[in-house]
Amino acid sequence: MDMLNWHGFLAGLAAFAIIGLFHPVVIKMEYHLGRKSWWMLFIPGVISLLLSFFLGTLGSILTGCLAFSLFWSTLEMFYQHNRVKRGRARMNPGRKDEYK
């Protein structure tokens, strides 16, 4: 018991950081680029998922977490668009036509 296993702690910390990072990223992307930028999250998610199959244990866990966070953020892009459309989030005044 002289060695602690830090993999679980690091994976949890990384998951927390990754999820926390993508929340404002989705908001900013929807505001500046619109929902049509969903592919900018989805394609890196697919790449991360494929990469996770070829890495070691901790690397695989972290890239898998990144991949599914990107997939969830892709969905959140559409949810954020609907929140803006309903007036629950800030609208970019330069893109008002997109919300009709």
Protein backbone atom coordinates (compact mmCIF):
# COMPACT_ATOMS: atom_id res chain seq x y z
CA MET A 1 0.00 0.00 0.00
CA ASP A 2 3.00 2.28 -0.45
CA MET A 3 1.90 3.28 -3.98
CA LEU A 4 -1.35 5.07 -4.71
CA ASN A 5 -3.13 4.56 -8.01
CA TRP A 6 -3.70 8.04 -9.43
CA HIS A 7 -5.38 6.97 -12.69
CA GLY A 8 -8.94 7.23 -11.37
CA PHE A 9 -8.28 10.61 -9.81
CA LEU A 10 -6.63 11.96 -12.97
CA ALA A 11 -9.40 10.61 -15.20
CA GLY A 12 -12.07 12.19 -13.00
CA LEU A 13 -10.23 15.49 -12.84
CA ALA A 14 -9.74 15.51 -16.60
CA ALA A 15 -13.42 14.68 -17.20
CA PHE A 16 -14.43 17.54 -14.92
CA ALA A 17 -12.10 19.96 -16.73
CA ILE A 18 -13.16 18.83 -20.21
CA ILE A 19 -16.87 19.14 -19.44
CA GLY A 20 -16.30 22.51 -17.79
CA LEU A 21 -14.35 23.73 -20.80
CA PHE A 22 -16.98 22.85 -23.37
CA HIS A 23 -19.88 24.62 -21.64
CA PRO A 24 -18.66 28.14 -22.52
CA VAL A 25 -17.23 26.94 -25.85
CA VAL A 26 -20.71 25.86 -27.03
CA ILE A 27 -22.21 29.18 -25.95
CA LYS A 28 -19.53 31.21 -27.74
CA MET A 29 -19.66 29.06 -30.87
CA GLU A 30 -23.43 29.35 -31.14
CA TYR A 31 -23.28 33.10 -30.57
CA HIS A 32 -20.53 33.81 -33.11
CA LEU A 33 -20.91 31.00 -35.66
CA GLY A 34 -24.44 29.67 -35.24
CA ARG A 35 -25.68 26.13 -35.00
CA LYS A 36 -24.23 25.28 -38.40
CA SER A 37 -20.85 24.99 -36.68
CA TRP A 38 -21.91 21.69 -35.03
CA TRP A 39 -19.52 19.74 -37.24
CA MET A 40 -16.58 21.59 -35.63
CA LEU A 41 -17.38 19.62 -32.49
CA PHE A 42 -18.56 16.36 -34.04
CA ILE A 43 -15.59 15.63 -36.33
CA PRO A 44 -12.96 16.10 -33.59
CA GLY A 45 -15.18 13.84 -31.45
CA VAL A 46 -15.01 11.08 -34.05
CA ILE A 47 -11.24 11.53 -34.37
CA SER A 48 -10.82 11.42 -30.59
CA LEU A 49 -12.95 8.30 -30.34
CA LEU A 50 -10.91 6.52 -33.02
CA LEU A 51 -7.66 7.64 -31.39
CA SER A 52 -8.81 6.24 -28.03
CA PHE A 53 -8.67 2.71 -29.47
CA PHE A 54 -4.93 2.98 -30.09
CA LEU A 55 -3.66 4.57 -26.87
CA GLY A 56 -2.67 3.13 -23.52
CA THR A 57 -5.03 2.90 -20.57
CA LEU A 58 -5.02 6.46 -19.25
CA GLY A 59 -4.67 8.03 -22.71
CA SER A 60 -7.57 5.94 -23.95
CA ILE A 61 -9.74 6.99 -21.02
CA LEU A 62 -8.94 10.67 -21.50
CA THR A 63 -9.47 10.71 -25.27
CA GLY A 64 -12.67 8.71 -24.85
CA CYS A 65 -13.92 11.26 -22.33
CA LEU A 66 -12.95 14.03 -24.73
CA ALA A 67 -14.77 12.29 -27.59
CA PHE A 68 -18.04 11.89 -25.73
CA SER A 69 -17.82 15.41 -24.33
CA LEU A 70 -17.51 16.63 -27.92
CA PHE A 71 -20.51 14.51 -28.94
CA TRP A 72 -22.56 15.92 -26.07
CA SER A 73 -21.44 19.44 -26.98
CA THR A 74 -22.65 18.81 -30.53
CA LEU A 75 -26.11 18.14 -29.13
CA GLU A 76 -25.82 21.13 -26.81
CA MET A 77 -25.19 23.34 -29.84
CA PHE A 78 -28.74 22.64 -31.03
CA TYR A 79 -30.16 23.00 -27.51
CA GLN A 80 -28.37 26.33 -27.15
CA HIS A 81 -29.85 27.49 -30.45
CA ASN A 82 -33.32 26.68 -29.13
CA ARG A 83 -32.60 28.49 -25.86
CA VAL A 84 -31.60 31.59 -27.83
CA LYS A 85 -34.68 31.26 -30.02
CA ARG A 86 -36.92 31.18 -26.93
CA GLY A 87 -35.16 34.17 -25.37
CA ARG A 88 -33.43 32.22 -22.58
CA ALA A 89 -29.93 32.98 -23.85
CA ARG A 90 -28.27 35.95 -25.49
CA MET A 91 -28.80 36.41 -29.24
CA ASN A 92 -26.18 37.75 -31.61
CA PRO A 93 -27.89 40.82 -33.12
CA GLY A 94 -26.00 40.29 -36.37
CA ARG A 95 -27.71 36.91 -36.93
CA LYS A 96 -31.35 37.64 -36.06
CA ASP A 97 -32.57 36.11 -39.34
CA GLU A 98 -31.35 32.66 -38.29
CA TYR A 99 -33.78 32.53 -35.37
CA LYS A 100 -37.03 33.02 -37.31
